[in-house]
Amino acid sequence: MRERIRDIIRQVSDEMGITIVKGVLSTDHVHMFVEIPPSVAVSRFVQKVKGRSSYKIRHEFP
């Protein structure tokens, strides 16, 4: 499941033009150091990552 979460985060980042510089995936949270273009709001990126990962994980791992 951890690998799937990483894949989802990478996919969202690529779609939004965001570079993940460093990331750590713990059992109950994620730490990321990212490069975000000025045209993208940080809150929008976090919203997309949390929303998509939550949705997909709940449906793939019931």
N, C-alpha and C. Protein backbone atom coordinates (compact mmCIF):
# COMPACT_ATOMS: atom_id res chain seq x y z
N MET A 1 0.82 -1.19 0.00
CA MET A 1 0.00 0.00 0.00
C MET A 1 0.87 1.26 0.00
N ARG A 2 2.00 1.22 0.71
CA ARG A 2 2.88 2.40 0.75
C ARG A 2 3.38 2.78 -0.64
N GLU A 3 3.72 1.77 -1.43
CA GLU A 3 4.18 2.04 -2.80
C GLU A 3 3.07 2.67 -3.63
N ARG A 4 1.85 2.23 -3.43
CA ARG A 4 0.72 2.79 -4.18
C ARG A 4 0.51 4.26 -3.81
N ILE A 5 0.64 4.58 -2.53
CA ILE A 5 0.51 5.97 -2.09
C ILE A 5 1.61 6.82 -2.73
N ARG A 6 2.82 6.31 -2.75
CA ARG A 6 3.92 7.03 -3.39
C ARG A 6 3.63 7.28 -4.87
N ASP A 7 3.12 6.26 -5.54
CA ASP A 7 2.78 6.40 -6.96
C ASP A 7 1.73 7.48 -7.19
N ILE A 8 0.72 7.50 -6.35
CA ILE A 8 -0.35 8.50 -6.48
C ILE A 8 0.19 9.91 -6.26
N ILE A 9 1.02 10.08 -5.25
CA ILE A 9 1.60 11.40 -4.97
C ILE A 9 2.48 11.85 -6.13
N ARG A 10 3.28 10.94 -6.67
CA ARG A 10 4.13 11.27 -7.83
C ARG A 10 3.28 11.65 -9.04
N GLN A 11 2.20 10.92 -9.26
CA GLN A 11 1.33 11.19 -10.39
C GLN A 11 0.71 12.59 -10.28
N VAL A 12 0.18 12.92 -9.13
CA VAL A 12 -0.42 14.25 -8.93
C VAL A 12 0.64 15.33 -9.10
N SER A 13 1.81 15.11 -8.55
CA SER A 13 2.90 16.09 -8.67
C SER A 13 3.28 16.32 -10.12
N ASP A 14 3.42 15.25 -10.87
CA ASP A 14 3.77 15.38 -12.29
C ASP A 14 2.69 16.14 -13.06
N GLU A 15 1.43 15.83 -12.79
CA GLU A 15 0.33 16.50 -13.47
C GLU A 15 0.31 18.00 -13.20
N MET A 16 0.72 18.40 -12.00
CA MET A 16 0.66 19.81 -11.62
C MET A 16 1.98 20.54 -11.86
N GLY A 17 3.00 19.84 -12.36
CA GLY A 17 4.29 20.46 -12.63
C GLY A 17 5.09 20.74 -11.37
N ILE A 18 4.93 19.89 -10.39
CA ILE A 18 5.59 20.06 -9.09
C ILE A 18 6.70 19.03 -8.96
N THR A 19 7.84 19.47 -8.45
CA THR A 19 8.99 18.60 -8.26
C THR A 19 9.10 18.22 -6.79
N ILE A 20 9.16 16.93 -6.52
CA ILE A 20 9.37 16.46 -5.14
C ILE A 20 10.87 16.38 -4.93
N VAL A 21 11.39 17.23 -4.03
CA VAL A 21 12.82 17.26 -3.75
C VAL A 21 13.17 16.16 -2.75
N LYS A 22 12.37 16.03 -1.72
CA LYS A 22 12.60 15.03 -0.67
C LYS A 22 11.26 14.66 -0.06
N GLY A 23 11.08 13.40 0.26
CA GLY A 23 9.83 12.98 0.87
C GLY A 23 10.02 11.80 1.78
N VAL A 24 9.21 11.76 2.85
CA VAL A 24 9.23 10.65 3.79
C VAL A 24 7.79 10.24 4.03
N LEU A 25 7.51 8.96 3.84
CA LEU A 25 6.17 8.42 4.04
C LEU A 25 6.19 7.60 5.32
N SER A 26 5.55 8.12 6.37
CA SER A 26 5.46 7.41 7.65
C SER A 26 4.17 6.62 7.70
N THR A 27 3.93 5.95 8.81
CA THR A 27 2.73 5.11 8.91
C THR A 27 1.45 5.92 8.90
N ASP A 28 1.47 7.15 9.43
CA ASP A 28 0.24 7.92 9.50
C ASP A 28 0.34 9.34 8.95
N HIS A 29 1.46 9.69 8.34
CA HIS A 29 1.59 11.01 7.73
C HIS A 29 2.73 11.06 6.72
N VAL A 30 2.77 12.17 6.00
CA VAL A 30 3.76 12.34 4.93
C VAL A 30 4.47 13.68 5.14
N HIS A 31 5.78 13.67 4.94
CA HIS A 31 6.56 14.91 4.92
C HIS A 31 7.14 15.05 3.52
N MET A 32 6.98 16.24 2.92
CA MET A 32 7.54 16.46 1.59
C MET A 32 8.14 17.86 1.51
N PHE A 33 9.26 17.93 0.82
CA PHE A 33 9.88 19.19 0.45
C PHE A 33 9.73 19.28 -1.05
N VAL A 34 8.95 20.25 -1.53
CA VAL A 34 8.60 20.31 -2.95
C VAL A 34 8.91 21.68 -3.54
N GLU A 35 9.08 21.69 -4.85
CA GLU A 35 9.21 22.93 -5.61
C GLU A 35 7.91 23.14 -6.36
N ILE A 36 7.19 24.20 -6.00
CA ILE A 36 5.88 24.46 -6.59
C ILE A 36 5.96 25.74 -7.42
N PRO A 37 5.50 25.71 -8.67
CA PRO A 37 5.50 26.92 -9.49
C PRO A 37 4.60 27.99 -8.86
N PRO A 38 4.89 29.26 -9.10
CA PRO A 38 4.10 30.34 -8.52
C PRO A 38 2.63 30.32 -8.93
N SER A 39 2.33 29.67 -10.03
CA SER A 39 0.95 29.64 -10.50
C SER A 39 0.08 28.61 -9.77
N VAL A 40 0.70 27.79 -8.92
CA VAL A 40 -0.02 26.75 -8.19
C VAL A 40 -0.03 27.10 -6.70
N ALA A 41 -1.22 27.11 -6.11
CA ALA A 41 -1.33 27.36 -4.68
C ALA A 41 -0.95 26.10 -3.90
N VAL A 42 -0.22 26.29 -2.82
CA VAL A 42 0.19 25.16 -1.98
C VAL A 42 -1.04 24.41 -1.49
N SER A 43 -2.06 25.13 -1.09
CA SER A 43 -3.28 24.50 -0.58
C SER A 43 -3.95 23.64 -1.64
N ARG A 44 -3.90 24.07 -2.89
CA ARG A 44 -4.50 23.30 -3.99
C ARG A 44 -3.75 21.99 -4.19
N PHE A 45 -2.43 22.04 -4.13
CA PHE A 45 -1.62 20.84 -4.26
C PHE A 45 -1.93 19.85 -3.14
N VAL A 46 -1.95 20.33 -1.91
CA VAL A 46 -2.23 19.46 -0.76
C VAL A 46 -3.63 18.87 -0.88
N GLN A 47 -4.58 19.69 -1.28
CA GLN A 47 -5.96 19.22 -1.44
C GLN A 47 -6.04 18.09 -2.48
N LYS A 48 -5.36 18.26 -3.60
CA LYS A 48 -5.39 17.23 -4.65
C LYS A 48 -4.72 15.95 -4.20
N VAL A 49 -3.56 16.06 -3.56
CA VAL A 49 -2.84 14.87 -3.11
C VAL A 49 -3.67 14.11 -2.07
N LYS A 50 -4.18 14.82 -1.08
CA LYS A 50 -4.96 14.15 -0.03
C LYS A 50 -6.24 13.56 -0.59
N GLY A 51 -6.93 14.31 -1.43
CA GLY A 51 -8.19 13.85 -1.97
C GLY A 51 -8.04 12.62 -2.85
N ARG A 52 -7.12 12.68 -3.79
CA ARG A 52 -6.94 11.57 -4.73
C ARG A 52 -6.38 10.34 -4.03
N SER A 53 -5.39 10.52 -3.17
CA SER A 53 -4.82 9.36 -2.49
C SER A 53 -5.85 8.70 -1.57
N SER A 54 -6.61 9.49 -0.85
CA SER A 54 -7.63 8.95 0.03
C SER A 54 -8.68 8.17 -0.75
N TYR A 55 -9.16 8.75 -1.83
CA TYR A 55 -10.19 8.11 -2.65
C TYR A 55 -9.69 6.79 -3.22
N LYS A 56 -8.51 6.81 -3.83
CA LYS A 56 -8.00 5.61 -4.49
C LYS A 56 -7.65 4.51 -3.49
N ILE A 57 -7.04 4.88 -2.38
CA ILE A 57 -6.66 3.88 -1.39
C ILE A 57 -7.89 3.22 -0.78
N ARG A 58 -8.91 4.01 -0.48
CA ARG A 58 -10.15 3.44 0.10
C ARG A 58 -10.84 2.48 -0.89
N HIS A 59 -10.75 2.76 -2.18
CA HIS A 59 -11.39 1.89 -3.15
C HIS A 59 -10.54 0.67 -3.54
N GLU A 60 -9.24 0.82 -3.50
CA GLU A 60 -8.35 -0.29 -3.87
C GLU A 60 -8.05 -1.24 -2.72
N PHE A 61 -8.11 -0.73 -1.48
CA PHE A 61 -7.82 -1.54 -0.30
C PHE A 61 -8.98 -1.40 0.70
N PRO A 62 -10.10 -2.05 0.41
CA PRO A 62 -11.28 -1.89 1.29
C PRO A 62 -11.08 -2.46 2.69
